[in-house]
N, C-alpha and C. Protein backbone atom coordinates (compact mmCIF):
# COMPACT_ATOMS: atom_id res chain seq x y z
N UNK A 1 69.34 95.14 56.76
CA UNK A 1 70.65 94.73 56.28
C UNK A 1 71.50 95.96 55.97
N UNK A 2 72.77 95.95 56.43
CA UNK A 2 73.64 97.08 56.18
C UNK A 2 73.94 97.22 54.69
N UNK A 3 74.10 98.45 54.28
CA UNK A 3 74.37 98.73 52.87
C UNK A 3 75.86 98.69 52.60
N UNK A 4 76.21 98.44 51.36
CA UNK A 4 77.62 98.50 50.94
C UNK A 4 77.93 99.83 50.27
N UNK A 5 76.95 100.71 50.20
CA UNK A 5 77.16 102.01 49.56
C UNK A 5 78.06 102.89 50.41
N UNK A 6 78.88 103.69 49.76
CA UNK A 6 79.72 104.65 50.45
C UNK A 6 79.15 106.06 50.30
N UNK A 7 79.81 107.01 50.92
CA UNK A 7 79.33 108.40 50.90
C UNK A 7 79.24 108.94 49.48
N UNK A 8 80.25 108.68 48.67
CA UNK A 8 80.24 109.18 47.29
C UNK A 8 79.13 108.51 46.48
N UNK A 9 78.86 107.23 46.78
CA UNK A 9 77.75 106.55 46.10
C UNK A 9 76.43 107.28 46.37
N UNK A 10 76.24 107.68 47.62
CA UNK A 10 75.01 108.38 47.98
C UNK A 10 74.98 109.77 47.34
N UNK A 11 76.14 110.44 47.31
CA UNK A 11 76.23 111.71 46.57
C UNK A 11 75.71 111.51 45.15
N UNK A 12 76.23 110.49 44.48
CA UNK A 12 75.91 110.30 43.07
C UNK A 12 74.48 109.84 42.85
N UNK A 13 73.92 109.09 43.79
CA UNK A 13 72.50 108.76 43.71
C UNK A 13 71.67 110.03 43.80
N UNK A 14 72.03 110.90 44.75
CA UNK A 14 71.30 112.16 44.91
C UNK A 14 71.42 113.02 43.66
N UNK A 15 72.61 113.12 43.12
CA UNK A 15 72.82 113.93 41.92
C UNK A 15 72.10 113.34 40.72
N UNK A 16 72.00 112.01 40.69
CA UNK A 16 71.23 111.36 39.63
C UNK A 16 69.77 111.73 39.71
N UNK A 17 69.21 111.77 40.93
CA UNK A 17 67.82 112.19 41.10
C UNK A 17 67.63 113.65 40.65
N UNK A 18 68.63 114.48 40.93
CA UNK A 18 68.55 115.89 40.55
C UNK A 18 68.69 116.05 39.03
N UNK A 19 69.54 115.20 38.43
CA UNK A 19 69.75 115.28 36.99
C UNK A 19 70.98 116.08 36.60
N UNK A 20 71.97 116.15 37.51
CA UNK A 20 73.21 116.85 37.21
C UNK A 20 74.34 115.84 37.03
N UNK A 21 75.53 116.33 36.75
CA UNK A 21 76.67 115.43 36.61
C UNK A 21 77.05 114.86 37.98
N UNK A 22 77.69 113.70 37.96
CA UNK A 22 78.09 113.04 39.20
C UNK A 22 79.51 113.46 39.57
N UNK A 23 80.02 112.91 40.70
CA UNK A 23 81.35 113.26 41.17
C UNK A 23 82.18 111.99 41.31
N UNK A 24 83.49 112.13 41.19
CA UNK A 24 84.39 110.99 41.35
C UNK A 24 84.93 110.91 42.76
N UNK A 25 84.86 112.04 43.48
CA UNK A 25 85.41 112.10 44.83
C UNK A 25 84.62 113.12 45.65
N UNK A 26 84.55 112.87 46.95
CA UNK A 26 83.85 113.81 47.81
C UNK A 26 84.61 115.08 48.08
N UNK A 27 85.89 115.14 47.70
CA UNK A 27 86.70 116.33 47.97
C UNK A 27 86.89 117.18 46.72
N UNK A 28 86.19 116.86 45.66
CA UNK A 28 86.25 117.70 44.46
C UNK A 28 85.79 119.11 44.78
N UNK A 29 86.28 120.09 44.03
CA UNK A 29 85.83 121.47 44.21
C UNK A 29 84.80 121.83 43.15
N UNK A 30 84.01 120.86 42.74
CA UNK A 30 82.93 121.12 41.79
C UNK A 30 81.69 121.57 42.56
N UNK A 31 80.77 122.29 41.91
CA UNK A 31 79.54 122.71 42.61
C UNK A 31 78.77 121.52 43.18
N UNK A 32 78.76 120.41 42.45
CA UNK A 32 78.01 119.24 42.92
C UNK A 32 78.59 118.68 44.22
N UNK A 33 79.90 118.50 44.27
CA UNK A 33 80.54 117.97 45.48
C UNK A 33 80.43 118.95 46.64
N UNK A 34 80.60 120.23 46.34
CA UNK A 34 80.51 121.25 47.39
C UNK A 34 79.13 121.25 48.04
N UNK A 35 78.09 121.21 47.23
CA UNK A 35 76.73 121.24 47.77
C UNK A 35 76.39 119.95 48.51
N UNK A 36 76.82 118.81 47.99
CA UNK A 36 76.55 117.55 48.68
C UNK A 36 77.22 117.53 50.05
N UNK A 37 78.45 118.00 50.13
CA UNK A 37 79.14 118.07 51.42
C UNK A 37 78.47 119.06 52.36
N UNK A 38 78.02 120.17 51.81
CA UNK A 38 77.41 121.21 52.62
C UNK A 38 76.13 120.71 53.30
N UNK A 39 75.34 119.94 52.57
CA UNK A 39 74.03 119.51 53.07
C UNK A 39 74.02 118.09 53.63
N UNK A 40 75.15 117.41 53.60
CA UNK A 40 75.19 116.00 54.01
C UNK A 40 74.67 115.78 55.43
N UNK A 41 75.22 116.50 56.39
CA UNK A 41 74.83 116.29 57.79
C UNK A 41 73.36 116.63 58.02
N UNK A 42 72.91 117.72 57.42
CA UNK A 42 71.51 118.10 57.59
C UNK A 42 70.57 117.07 56.98
N UNK A 43 70.92 116.57 55.80
CA UNK A 43 70.08 115.57 55.14
C UNK A 43 70.03 114.28 55.96
N UNK A 44 71.16 113.87 56.50
CA UNK A 44 71.21 112.64 57.29
C UNK A 44 70.34 112.76 58.54
N UNK A 45 70.50 113.85 59.27
CA UNK A 45 69.71 114.02 60.50
C UNK A 45 68.22 114.12 60.20
N UNK A 46 67.86 114.79 59.13
CA UNK A 46 66.45 114.91 58.77
C UNK A 46 65.86 113.56 58.41
N UNK A 47 66.59 112.77 57.63
CA UNK A 47 66.10 111.46 57.21
C UNK A 47 66.00 110.51 58.40
N UNK A 48 66.93 110.60 59.33
CA UNK A 48 66.87 109.75 60.52
C UNK A 48 65.66 110.10 61.39
N UNK A 49 65.34 111.37 61.47
CA UNK A 49 64.19 111.79 62.28
C UNK A 49 62.86 111.41 61.65
N UNK A 50 62.84 111.24 60.37
CA UNK A 50 61.57 111.04 59.66
C UNK A 50 61.00 109.62 59.77
N UNK A 51 61.77 108.69 60.32
CA UNK A 51 61.27 107.31 60.45
C UNK A 51 62.09 106.61 61.54
N UNK A 52 61.49 105.72 62.32
CA UNK A 52 62.24 105.04 63.39
C UNK A 52 63.12 103.90 62.87
N UNK A 53 64.18 104.26 62.18
CA UNK A 53 65.08 103.25 61.61
C UNK A 53 65.70 102.40 62.70
N UNK A 54 65.67 101.08 62.52
CA UNK A 54 66.18 100.16 63.54
C UNK A 54 67.65 100.40 63.86
N UNK A 55 68.47 100.66 62.84
CA UNK A 55 69.90 100.81 63.08
C UNK A 55 70.24 102.07 63.87
N UNK A 56 69.29 102.98 63.97
CA UNK A 56 69.53 104.23 64.70
C UNK A 56 68.72 104.31 65.99
N UNK A 57 67.99 103.24 66.33
CA UNK A 57 67.12 103.23 67.51
C UNK A 57 67.82 102.57 68.69
N UNK A 58 67.73 103.24 69.86
CA UNK A 58 68.35 102.70 71.06
C UNK A 58 67.47 103.02 72.26
N UNK A 59 67.42 102.11 73.22
CA UNK A 59 66.68 102.33 74.46
C UNK A 59 67.69 102.80 75.52
N UNK A 60 67.41 103.92 76.13
CA UNK A 60 68.37 104.49 77.09
C UNK A 60 67.63 104.96 78.34
N UNK A 61 68.35 104.95 79.47
CA UNK A 61 67.82 105.51 80.71
C UNK A 61 68.24 106.98 80.78
N UNK A 62 67.27 107.86 80.90
CA UNK A 62 67.55 109.28 80.88
C UNK A 62 68.00 109.77 82.26
N UNK A 63 68.97 110.67 82.28
CA UNK A 63 69.47 111.23 83.53
C UNK A 63 68.53 112.34 84.01
N UNK A 64 68.15 112.26 85.27
CA UNK A 64 67.27 113.27 85.84
C UNK A 64 68.03 114.58 86.02
N UNK A 65 67.30 115.68 85.94
CA UNK A 65 67.85 117.01 86.19
C UNK A 65 66.80 117.82 86.95
N UNK A 66 67.19 118.91 87.59
CA UNK A 66 66.21 119.69 88.35
C UNK A 66 65.08 120.18 87.45
N UNK A 67 63.86 120.06 87.95
CA UNK A 67 62.70 120.53 87.19
C UNK A 67 62.62 122.05 87.32
N UNK A 68 62.64 122.79 86.20
CA UNK A 68 62.49 124.25 86.29
C UNK A 68 61.18 124.63 86.97
N UNK A 69 61.22 125.66 87.76
CA UNK A 69 60.05 126.06 88.55
C UNK A 69 58.83 126.34 87.69
N UNK A 70 59.03 126.81 86.47
CA UNK A 70 57.89 127.17 85.63
C UNK A 70 57.05 125.94 85.24
N UNK A 71 57.62 124.73 85.42
CA UNK A 71 56.87 123.52 85.07
C UNK A 71 56.23 122.85 86.28
N UNK A 72 56.44 123.41 87.46
CA UNK A 72 55.85 122.83 88.67
C UNK A 72 54.34 122.83 88.53
N UNK A 73 53.72 121.69 88.85
CA UNK A 73 52.28 121.56 88.71
C UNK A 73 51.84 121.11 87.34
N UNK A 74 52.77 121.12 86.37
CA UNK A 74 52.46 120.65 85.01
C UNK A 74 53.12 119.30 84.78
N UNK A 75 54.42 119.22 85.11
CA UNK A 75 55.19 117.99 85.02
C UNK A 75 55.90 117.75 86.33
N UNK A 76 56.22 116.48 86.61
CA UNK A 76 56.88 116.15 87.87
C UNK A 76 58.39 116.04 87.73
N UNK A 77 58.86 115.63 86.55
CA UNK A 77 60.29 115.37 86.39
C UNK A 77 60.82 115.96 85.08
N UNK A 78 62.11 116.28 85.12
CA UNK A 78 62.82 116.72 83.91
C UNK A 78 64.03 115.82 83.72
N UNK A 79 64.32 115.50 82.48
CA UNK A 79 65.46 114.63 82.16
C UNK A 79 66.27 115.25 81.04
N UNK A 80 67.57 115.05 81.11
CA UNK A 80 68.45 115.50 80.02
C UNK A 80 68.41 114.48 78.89
N UNK A 81 68.49 114.96 77.67
CA UNK A 81 68.57 114.06 76.53
C UNK A 81 70.04 113.70 76.28
N UNK A 82 70.32 112.45 75.95
CA UNK A 82 71.71 112.04 75.72
C UNK A 82 72.29 112.67 74.46
N UNK A 83 73.59 112.77 74.43
CA UNK A 83 74.28 113.30 73.25
C UNK A 83 73.93 112.46 72.02
N UNK A 84 73.69 113.12 70.92
CA UNK A 84 73.40 112.43 69.68
C UNK A 84 71.95 112.04 69.50
N UNK A 85 71.11 112.31 70.50
CA UNK A 85 69.69 111.96 70.38
C UNK A 85 69.01 112.94 69.43
N UNK A 86 68.38 112.41 68.39
CA UNK A 86 67.69 113.25 67.42
C UNK A 86 66.20 113.32 67.69
N UNK A 87 65.65 112.27 68.29
CA UNK A 87 64.21 112.23 68.52
C UNK A 87 63.89 111.18 69.58
N UNK A 88 62.94 111.52 70.44
CA UNK A 88 62.42 110.54 71.39
C UNK A 88 61.17 109.93 70.76
N UNK A 89 61.22 108.64 70.49
CA UNK A 89 60.08 107.97 69.87
C UNK A 89 58.98 107.71 70.89
N UNK A 90 59.36 107.24 72.07
CA UNK A 90 58.40 106.97 73.13
C UNK A 90 59.15 106.67 74.41
N UNK A 91 58.44 106.65 75.53
CA UNK A 91 59.03 106.23 76.78
C UNK A 91 58.96 104.71 76.86
N UNK A 92 60.03 104.10 77.35
CA UNK A 92 60.16 102.66 77.29
C UNK A 92 59.20 101.89 78.17
N UNK A 93 58.54 102.54 79.14
CA UNK A 93 57.58 101.83 79.98
C UNK A 93 56.33 101.44 79.21
N UNK A 94 56.13 102.00 78.03
CA UNK A 94 54.92 101.72 77.24
C UNK A 94 55.04 100.36 76.57
N UNK A 95 54.47 99.34 77.21
CA UNK A 95 54.53 97.99 76.65
C UNK A 95 53.17 97.51 76.18
N UNK A 96 52.09 98.14 76.63
CA UNK A 96 50.76 97.72 76.23
C UNK A 96 50.35 98.45 74.96
N UNK A 97 49.75 97.74 73.99
CA UNK A 97 49.28 98.40 72.77
C UNK A 97 48.31 99.54 73.10
N UNK A 98 48.56 100.69 72.51
CA UNK A 98 47.67 101.83 72.71
C UNK A 98 47.97 102.65 73.95
N UNK A 99 48.89 102.17 74.79
CA UNK A 99 49.22 102.92 76.01
C UNK A 99 50.43 103.79 75.75
N UNK A 100 50.28 105.07 75.98
CA UNK A 100 51.37 106.00 75.73
C UNK A 100 51.58 106.90 76.93
N UNK A 101 52.79 106.90 77.48
CA UNK A 101 53.11 107.77 78.60
C UNK A 101 53.32 109.18 78.08
N UNK A 102 52.59 110.16 78.61
CA UNK A 102 52.75 111.54 78.12
C UNK A 102 54.15 112.07 78.41
N UNK A 103 54.67 112.84 77.50
CA UNK A 103 55.91 113.57 77.71
C UNK A 103 55.96 114.74 76.76
N UNK A 104 56.89 115.63 77.02
CA UNK A 104 57.09 116.78 76.13
C UNK A 104 58.58 117.06 76.03
N UNK A 105 58.99 117.54 74.88
CA UNK A 105 60.37 117.97 74.67
C UNK A 105 60.38 119.49 74.62
N UNK A 106 61.07 120.09 75.56
CA UNK A 106 61.24 121.54 75.57
C UNK A 106 62.70 121.85 75.87
N UNK A 107 63.01 123.06 76.21
CA UNK A 107 64.42 123.39 76.43
C UNK A 107 64.58 124.34 77.60
N UNK A 108 65.77 124.29 78.17
CA UNK A 108 66.17 125.28 79.17
C UNK A 108 67.50 125.86 78.72
N UNK A 109 68.19 126.54 79.61
CA UNK A 109 69.45 127.19 79.23
C UNK A 109 70.52 126.19 78.81
N UNK A 110 70.40 124.95 79.29
CA UNK A 110 71.41 123.93 78.97
C UNK A 110 71.10 123.17 77.70
N UNK A 111 69.90 123.33 77.14
CA UNK A 111 69.55 122.63 75.92
C UNK A 111 68.21 121.92 76.04
N UNK A 112 67.99 120.92 75.20
CA UNK A 112 66.73 120.20 75.19
C UNK A 112 66.59 119.31 76.41
N UNK A 113 65.36 119.16 76.88
CA UNK A 113 65.08 118.26 78.00
C UNK A 113 63.73 117.61 77.77
N UNK A 114 63.56 116.46 78.42
CA UNK A 114 62.30 115.73 78.37
C UNK A 114 61.56 115.93 79.68
N UNK A 115 60.29 116.30 79.58
CA UNK A 115 59.44 116.48 80.75
C UNK A 115 58.44 115.34 80.81
N UNK A 116 58.29 114.75 82.00
CA UNK A 116 57.39 113.61 82.12
C UNK A 116 56.93 113.47 83.57
N UNK A 117 56.13 112.44 83.84
CA UNK A 117 55.62 112.20 85.20
C UNK A 117 56.10 110.86 85.75
N UNK A 118 57.10 110.24 85.12
CA UNK A 118 57.63 108.97 85.62
C UNK A 118 59.03 109.20 86.20
N UNK A 119 59.25 108.62 87.38
CA UNK A 119 60.51 108.88 88.08
C UNK A 119 61.71 108.27 87.37
N UNK A 120 61.54 107.09 86.79
CA UNK A 120 62.62 106.43 86.08
C UNK A 120 62.27 106.40 84.60
N UNK A 121 62.80 107.35 83.86
CA UNK A 121 62.43 107.51 82.44
C UNK A 121 63.39 106.73 81.56
N UNK A 122 62.89 105.67 80.97
CA UNK A 122 63.64 104.91 79.97
C UNK A 122 63.00 105.24 78.62
N UNK A 123 63.79 105.76 77.72
CA UNK A 123 63.24 106.24 76.46
C UNK A 123 63.79 105.45 75.28
N UNK A 124 62.93 105.29 74.28
CA UNK A 124 63.35 104.72 73.00
C UNK A 124 63.63 105.91 72.08
N UNK A 125 64.87 106.04 71.66
CA UNK A 125 65.30 107.24 70.94
C UNK A 125 65.93 106.92 69.59
N UNK A 126 65.84 107.88 68.70
CA UNK A 126 66.59 107.84 67.45
C UNK A 126 67.87 108.62 67.66
N UNK A 127 68.99 107.99 67.36
CA UNK A 127 70.29 108.63 67.51
C UNK A 127 70.92 108.91 66.15
N UNK A 128 71.76 109.92 66.12
CA UNK A 128 72.48 110.24 64.90
C UNK A 128 73.51 109.15 64.62
N UNK A 129 73.51 108.64 63.41
CA UNK A 129 74.49 107.62 62.99
C UNK A 129 75.27 108.21 61.83
N UNK A 130 76.54 108.46 62.06
CA UNK A 130 77.36 109.12 61.03
C UNK A 130 78.12 108.13 60.15
N UNK A 131 78.26 106.87 60.62
CA UNK A 131 79.02 105.89 59.86
C UNK A 131 78.15 105.32 58.74
N UNK A 132 78.53 105.59 57.52
CA UNK A 132 77.74 105.14 56.36
C UNK A 132 77.63 103.62 56.32
N UNK A 133 78.63 102.92 56.81
CA UNK A 133 78.63 101.46 56.79
C UNK A 133 77.48 100.88 57.63
N UNK A 134 76.92 101.67 58.54
CA UNK A 134 75.83 101.19 59.38
C UNK A 134 74.46 101.46 58.75
N UNK A 135 74.38 102.25 57.69
CA UNK A 135 73.10 102.54 57.04
C UNK A 135 72.55 101.26 56.42
N UNK A 136 71.24 101.05 56.52
CA UNK A 136 70.67 99.93 55.79
C UNK A 136 70.29 100.38 54.38
N UNK A 137 69.96 99.41 53.52
CA UNK A 137 69.74 99.70 52.11
C UNK A 137 68.58 100.68 51.89
N UNK A 138 67.51 100.49 52.63
CA UNK A 138 66.36 101.36 52.46
C UNK A 138 66.67 102.78 52.89
N UNK A 139 67.45 102.91 53.98
CA UNK A 139 67.82 104.24 54.43
C UNK A 139 68.71 104.94 53.41
N UNK A 140 69.60 104.19 52.76
CA UNK A 140 70.48 104.78 51.74
C UNK A 140 69.63 105.43 50.65
N UNK A 141 68.59 104.75 50.21
CA UNK A 141 67.71 105.31 49.19
C UNK A 141 67.03 106.58 49.69
N UNK A 142 66.52 106.53 50.93
CA UNK A 142 65.85 107.70 51.50
C UNK A 142 66.84 108.85 51.70
N UNK A 143 68.03 108.51 52.18
CA UNK A 143 69.05 109.53 52.41
C UNK A 143 69.43 110.23 51.10
N UNK A 144 69.59 109.45 50.02
CA UNK A 144 69.94 110.03 48.73
C UNK A 144 68.83 110.98 48.25
N UNK A 145 67.59 110.60 48.45
CA UNK A 145 66.48 111.45 48.02
C UNK A 145 66.36 112.69 48.89
N UNK A 146 66.63 112.55 50.20
CA UNK A 146 66.61 113.72 51.08
C UNK A 146 67.72 114.70 50.69
N UNK A 147 68.90 114.16 50.41
CA UNK A 147 70.01 115.00 49.98
C UNK A 147 69.70 115.68 48.65
N UNK A 148 69.07 114.94 47.74
CA UNK A 148 68.70 115.52 46.44
C UNK A 148 67.77 116.71 46.61
N UNK A 149 66.83 116.61 47.55
CA UNK A 149 65.90 117.72 47.79
C UNK A 149 66.64 118.99 48.18
N UNK A 150 67.69 118.82 49.01
CA UNK A 150 68.41 119.98 49.52
C UNK A 150 69.37 120.58 48.50
N UNK A 151 70.07 119.73 47.74
CA UNK A 151 71.06 120.27 46.80
C UNK A 151 70.42 120.75 45.50
N UNK A 152 69.18 120.35 45.25
CA UNK A 152 68.53 120.74 43.99
C UNK A 152 68.36 122.25 43.88
N UNK A 153 68.06 122.90 45.00
CA UNK A 153 67.81 124.36 44.95
C UNK A 153 69.06 125.11 44.50
N UNK A 154 70.23 124.93 45.13
CA UNK A 154 71.41 125.68 44.66
C UNK A 154 71.94 125.20 43.31
N UNK A 155 71.76 123.91 42.98
CA UNK A 155 72.31 123.41 41.72
C UNK A 155 71.43 123.73 40.52
N UNK A 156 70.12 123.75 40.72
CA UNK A 156 69.21 123.98 39.60
C UNK A 156 68.71 125.41 39.52
N UNK A 157 69.03 126.20 40.55
CA UNK A 157 68.59 127.61 40.59
C UNK A 157 67.07 127.70 40.52
N UNK A 158 66.52 128.16 39.42
CA UNK A 158 65.08 128.42 39.33
C UNK A 158 64.33 127.25 38.70
N UNK A 159 64.14 126.21 39.48
CA UNK A 159 63.38 125.06 38.99
C UNK A 159 62.55 124.48 40.14
N UNK A 160 61.56 125.24 40.61
CA UNK A 160 60.76 124.78 41.76
C UNK A 160 59.98 123.50 41.47
N UNK A 161 59.62 123.28 40.21
CA UNK A 161 58.90 122.07 39.86
C UNK A 161 59.71 120.81 40.15
N UNK A 162 61.01 120.86 39.84
CA UNK A 162 61.88 119.71 40.09
C UNK A 162 62.05 119.48 41.58
N UNK A 163 62.18 120.56 42.33
CA UNK A 163 62.33 120.44 43.78
C UNK A 163 61.08 119.79 44.38
N UNK A 164 59.92 120.21 43.93
CA UNK A 164 58.68 119.62 44.42
C UNK A 164 58.59 118.14 44.07
N UNK A 165 59.02 117.81 42.86
CA UNK A 165 59.02 116.40 42.44
C UNK A 165 59.93 115.56 43.34
N UNK A 166 61.10 116.11 43.68
CA UNK A 166 62.03 115.39 44.54
C UNK A 166 61.47 115.21 45.95
N UNK A 167 60.78 116.22 46.45
CA UNK A 167 60.15 116.12 47.77
C UNK A 167 59.12 115.00 47.78
N UNK A 168 58.34 114.89 46.71
CA UNK A 168 57.34 113.83 46.61
C UNK A 168 57.99 112.46 46.54
N UNK A 169 59.08 112.35 45.80
CA UNK A 169 59.80 111.08 45.71
C UNK A 169 60.36 110.67 47.07
N UNK A 170 60.82 111.66 47.83
CA UNK A 170 61.34 111.36 49.16
C UNK A 170 60.23 110.83 50.06
N UNK A 171 59.09 111.50 50.07
CA UNK A 171 57.98 111.05 50.91
C UNK A 171 57.53 109.64 50.52
N UNK A 172 57.55 109.35 49.24
CA UNK A 172 57.15 108.02 48.77
C UNK A 172 58.14 106.95 49.21
N UNK A 173 59.40 107.33 49.41
CA UNK A 173 60.44 106.37 49.78
C UNK A 173 60.39 106.01 51.25
N UNK A 174 59.77 106.84 52.08
CA UNK A 174 59.71 106.57 53.51
C UNK A 174 58.76 105.42 53.80
N UNK A 175 59.17 104.42 54.56
CA UNK A 175 58.27 103.33 54.92
C UNK A 175 57.11 103.84 55.76
N UNK A 176 55.87 103.57 55.36
CA UNK A 176 54.68 103.93 56.12
C UNK A 176 54.69 105.40 56.52
N UNK A 177 55.22 106.25 55.65
CA UNK A 177 55.37 107.65 56.03
C UNK A 177 54.03 108.32 56.29
N UNK A 178 52.96 107.82 55.67
CA UNK A 178 51.67 108.45 55.86
C UNK A 178 51.15 108.30 57.28
N UNK A 179 51.71 107.35 58.04
CA UNK A 179 51.25 107.15 59.41
C UNK A 179 52.12 107.83 60.43
N UNK A 180 53.10 108.59 59.99
CA UNK A 180 54.07 109.17 60.91
C UNK A 180 53.51 110.36 61.66
N UNK A 181 53.86 110.44 62.92
CA UNK A 181 53.54 111.62 63.74
C UNK A 181 54.86 112.34 63.96
N UNK A 182 54.99 113.53 63.40
CA UNK A 182 56.28 114.22 63.45
C UNK A 182 56.48 115.02 64.72
N UNK A 183 55.51 115.03 65.62
CA UNK A 183 55.65 115.85 66.82
C UNK A 183 56.58 115.19 67.83
N UNK A 184 57.04 115.96 68.79
CA UNK A 184 57.86 115.47 69.88
C UNK A 184 57.01 115.34 71.14
N UNK A 185 55.70 115.24 71.00
CA UNK A 185 54.81 115.19 72.15
C UNK A 185 53.87 114.01 71.99
N UNK A 186 53.70 113.24 73.06
CA UNK A 186 52.79 112.11 73.06
C UNK A 186 51.75 112.33 74.14
N UNK A 187 50.51 112.53 73.76
CA UNK A 187 49.44 112.73 74.71
C UNK A 187 48.75 111.40 74.93
N UNK A 188 48.66 110.95 76.19
CA UNK A 188 48.29 109.59 76.48
C UNK A 188 46.84 109.23 76.25
N UNK A 189 45.96 110.18 75.87
CA UNK A 189 44.55 109.88 75.82
C UNK A 189 44.15 108.92 74.72
N UNK A 190 44.84 108.92 73.58
CA UNK A 190 44.42 108.09 72.46
C UNK A 190 45.62 107.41 71.82
N UNK A 191 45.43 106.24 71.22
CA UNK A 191 46.54 105.54 70.56
C UNK A 191 47.09 106.36 69.41
N UNK A 192 48.38 106.25 69.21
CA UNK A 192 49.07 106.96 68.14
C UNK A 192 49.28 106.00 66.98
N UNK A 193 48.69 106.30 65.82
CA UNK A 193 48.74 105.38 64.68
C UNK A 193 50.17 105.12 64.24
N UNK A 194 51.01 106.15 64.28
CA UNK A 194 52.39 105.98 63.83
C UNK A 194 53.13 105.02 64.76
N UNK A 195 52.90 105.16 66.07
CA UNK A 195 53.59 104.31 67.02
C UNK A 195 53.08 102.86 66.94
N UNK A 196 51.78 102.69 66.66
CA UNK A 196 51.26 101.36 66.46
C UNK A 196 51.91 100.70 65.25
N UNK A 197 52.09 101.49 64.19
CA UNK A 197 52.76 100.98 62.99
C UNK A 197 54.21 100.63 63.30
N UNK A 198 54.85 101.46 64.15
CA UNK A 198 56.25 101.20 64.53
C UNK A 198 56.38 99.86 65.24
N UNK A 199 55.41 99.54 66.13
CA UNK A 199 55.49 98.29 66.88
C UNK A 199 55.28 97.08 65.96
N UNK A 200 54.47 97.27 64.92
CA UNK A 200 54.21 96.16 64.00
C UNK A 200 55.31 95.99 62.98
N UNK A 201 56.16 97.04 62.81
CA UNK A 201 57.18 97.03 61.77
C UNK A 201 58.35 96.14 62.15
C-alpha cells in the first residue's frame, strides 16, 4: 500500500531516530535539513537495493550489445542495463523453483552490462523510484532508518555507538533481510535462499 508520508515526514522520522531536532521544511538552512538533503538520494538507492520492493520491481527485456572480446569463451551475450536500474534480481526465464540462470554484472567503457548465456534476456530488476508518493509504508520506515544511519555521523560527530545502533535498527526493519543475497551474481548450481524467499513473498 502506498504511503501518505512526504519527504519532510521521512526527514523527521530519520531525525527522530537520530535524536536531533526536526525540520519544518526541506529547504531550511539548518544542519539537519542540509544533511538530510545531502544523503537523501544515496539513502533511497541503498534502501531500494537492499530488498526486492514490489513498487520498484519491473520485468524488462534487455537490449543486446556487442560482447567484449575478453569475455569470449566465458559468456555468450552482453546486454545493456536500462536507465534507472539499481539491481538485477534475476533473469525472467527462471520460472522453476530452485532454477537460476547464471549471469554477472560487470562494466565496460559505456557503463554496467549484464553477461549471460541466453539470447533473449528478460530480467526482473529493481529500479530507482524518486516519487515519494509511490513508496509503500514499510519502505518509508526502512528509508527513514537508512537515512538516519547516514546523517547520524555528521550530526552527532563522535558517537559511533549511536550509529551502530541505527544500523542494527535498519537491518531489523528489512523484511527477511537475513535471507538476502547482496551479490549481483547468480550461479546456477544451487538454489538461492533469498530468491526463494522473494518468490514466496
